[in-house]
């Protein structure tokens, strides 16, 4: 999740956040970041699902057109 961030870097980030926001505000900031990440993940999953649905619909349309050509006889004569 954090890529190439190791434990020492993570501790440095937390120490800086503690100094910037203070101990009383830090939990609230953490919750806000958590909510934002959750919303981002949810939105990206929805977009991914819509793209997959569109791809599947296009494939089904192509299959439908191929079957229609075979039934009407347009695909013969090769």
C-alpha atoms as a PDB file:
ATOM      1  CA  UNK A   1       0.000   0.000   0.000  1.00  0.00           C
ATOM      2  CA  UNK A   2       2.787   2.430   0.868  1.00  0.00           C
ATOM      3  CA  UNK A   3       5.097   1.435  -1.964  1.00  0.00           C
ATOM      4  CA  UNK A   4       8.759   1.786  -1.023  1.00  0.00           C
ATOM      5  CA  UNK A   5       8.192   3.581   2.292  1.00  0.00           C
ATOM      6  CA  UNK A   6       9.949   1.735   5.076  1.00  0.00           C
ATOM      7  CA  UNK A   7       9.395   1.829   8.807  1.00  0.00           C
ATOM      8  CA  UNK A   8      11.864   4.701   9.496  1.00  0.00           C
ATOM      9  CA  UNK A   9      10.241   6.870   6.830  1.00  0.00           C
ATOM     10  CA  UNK A  10       6.794   6.098   8.200  1.00  0.00           C
ATOM     11  CA  UNK A  11       7.899   7.109  11.695  1.00  0.00           C
ATOM     12  CA  UNK A  12       9.317  10.368  10.335  1.00  0.00           C
ATOM     13  CA  UNK A  13       6.033  11.132   8.555  1.00  0.00           C
ATOM     14  CA  UNK A  14       4.049  10.410  11.719  1.00  0.00           C
ATOM     15  CA  UNK A  15       6.371  12.598  13.808  1.00  0.00           C
ATOM     16  CA  UNK A  16       5.996  15.488  11.354  1.00  0.00           C
ATOM     17  CA  UNK A  17       2.216  15.048  11.304  1.00  0.00           C
ATOM     18  CA  UNK A  18       2.168  15.063  15.102  1.00  0.00           C
ATOM     19  CA  UNK A  19       4.151  18.303  15.162  1.00  0.00           C
ATOM     20  CA  UNK A  20       2.015  19.961  12.482  1.00  0.00           C
ATOM     21  CA  UNK A  21      -1.457  18.927  13.672  1.00  0.00           C
ATOM     22  CA  UNK A  22      -0.883  18.267  17.360  1.00  0.00           C
ATOM     23  CA  UNK A  23      -1.984  15.271  19.401  1.00  0.00           C
ATOM     24  CA  UNK A  24      -5.632  16.368  19.714  1.00  0.00           C
ATOM     25  CA  UNK A  25      -6.167  16.992  15.995  1.00  0.00           C
ATOM     26  CA  UNK A  26      -4.192  13.991  14.673  1.00  0.00           C
ATOM     27  CA  UNK A  27      -6.965  11.344  15.128  1.00  0.00           C
ATOM     28  CA  UNK A  28      -9.437  13.579  13.313  1.00  0.00           C
ATOM     29  CA  UNK A  29      -6.994  14.072  10.436  1.00  0.00           C
ATOM     30  CA  UNK A  30      -6.433  10.314  10.275  1.00  0.00           C
ATOM     31  CA  UNK A  31     -10.173   9.656  10.066  1.00  0.00           C
ATOM     32  CA  UNK A  32     -10.560  12.263   7.327  1.00  0.00           C
ATOM     33  CA  UNK A  33      -7.754  10.702   5.308  1.00  0.00           C
ATOM     34  CA  UNK A  34      -9.281   7.257   5.828  1.00  0.00           C
ATOM     35  CA  UNK A  35     -12.683   8.463   4.612  1.00  0.00           C
ATOM     36  CA  UNK A  36     -11.113  10.118   1.573  1.00  0.00           C
ATOM     37  CA  UNK A  37      -9.168   6.959   0.651  1.00  0.00           C
ATOM     38  CA  UNK A  38     -12.279   4.821   1.094  1.00  0.00           C
ATOM     39  CA  UNK A  39     -14.319   7.156  -1.124  1.00  0.00           C
ATOM     40  CA  UNK A  40     -11.568   7.214  -3.753  1.00  0.00           C
ATOM     41  CA  UNK A  41     -11.384   3.410  -3.759  1.00  0.00           C
ATOM     42  CA  UNK A  42     -15.169   3.125  -4.018  1.00  0.00           C
ATOM     43  CA  UNK A  43     -15.300   5.567  -6.928  1.00  0.00           C
ATOM     44  CA  UNK A  44     -12.443   3.868  -8.777  1.00  0.00           C
ATOM     45  CA  UNK A  45     -14.148   0.484  -8.331  1.00  0.00           C
ATOM     46  CA  UNK A  46     -17.392   1.892  -9.746  1.00  0.00           C
ATOM     47  CA  UNK A  47     -15.575   3.354 -12.754  1.00  0.00           C
ATOM     48  CA  UNK A  48     -13.760   0.070 -13.332  1.00  0.00           C
ATOM     49  CA  UNK A  49     -17.070  -1.828 -13.162  1.00  0.00           C
ATOM     50  CA  UNK A  50     -18.710   0.541 -15.659  1.00  0.00           C
ATOM     51  CA  UNK A  51     -15.827   0.155 -18.098  1.00  0.00           C
ATOM     52  CA  UNK A  52     -16.014  -3.641 -17.831  1.00  0.00           C
ATOM     53  CA  UNK A  53     -19.793  -3.498 -18.405  1.00  0.00           C
ATOM     54  CA  UNK A  54     -19.311  -1.357 -21.520  1.00  0.00           C
ATOM     55  CA  UNK A  55     -16.670  -3.743 -22.876  1.00  0.00           C
ATOM     56  CA  UNK A  56     -18.953  -6.717 -22.250  1.00  0.00           C
ATOM     57  CA  UNK A  57     -21.882  -4.931 -23.925  1.00  0.00           C
ATOM     58  CA  UNK A  58     -19.732  -4.162 -26.983  1.00  0.00           C
ATOM     59  CA  UNK A  59     -18.616  -7.801 -27.200  1.00  0.00           C
ATOM     60  CA  UNK A  60     -22.218  -9.012 -26.939  1.00  0.00           C
ATOM     61  CA  UNK A  61     -23.246  -6.574 -29.664  1.00  0.00           C
ATOM     62  CA  UNK A  62     -20.486  -7.918 -31.931  1.00  0.00           C
ATOM     63  CA  UNK A  63     -21.597 -11.501 -31.278  1.00  0.00           C
ATOM     64  CA  UNK A  64     -25.204 -10.526 -31.956  1.00  0.00           C
ATOM     65  CA  UNK A  65     -24.228  -8.924 -35.272  1.00  0.00           C
ATOM     66  CA  UNK A  66     -22.213 -12.020 -36.297  1.00  0.00           C
ATOM     67  CA  UNK A  67     -25.125 -14.323 -35.513  1.00  0.00           C
ATOM     68  CA  UNK A  68     -27.491 -12.036 -37.404  1.00  0.00           C
ATOM     69  CA  UNK A  69     -25.196 -12.130 -40.457  1.00  0.00           C
ATOM     70  CA  UNK A  70     -25.075 -15.929 -40.351  1.00  0.00           C
ATOM     71  CA  UNK A  71     -28.840 -16.216 -40.089  1.00  0.00           C
ATOM     72  CA  UNK A  72     -29.540 -13.829 -42.956  1.00  0.00           C
ATOM     73  CA  UNK A  73     -26.885 -15.468 -45.128  1.00  0.00           C
ATOM     74  CA  UNK A  74     -24.642 -12.429 -45.481  1.00  0.00           C
ATOM     75  CA  UNK A  75     -21.713 -14.407 -44.095  1.00  0.00           C
ATOM     76  CA  UNK A  76     -21.849 -17.027 -46.878  1.00  0.00           C
ATOM     77  CA  UNK A  77     -20.004 -16.963 -50.141  1.00  0.00           C
ATOM     78  CA  UNK A  78     -16.421 -16.980 -48.933  1.00  0.00           C
END
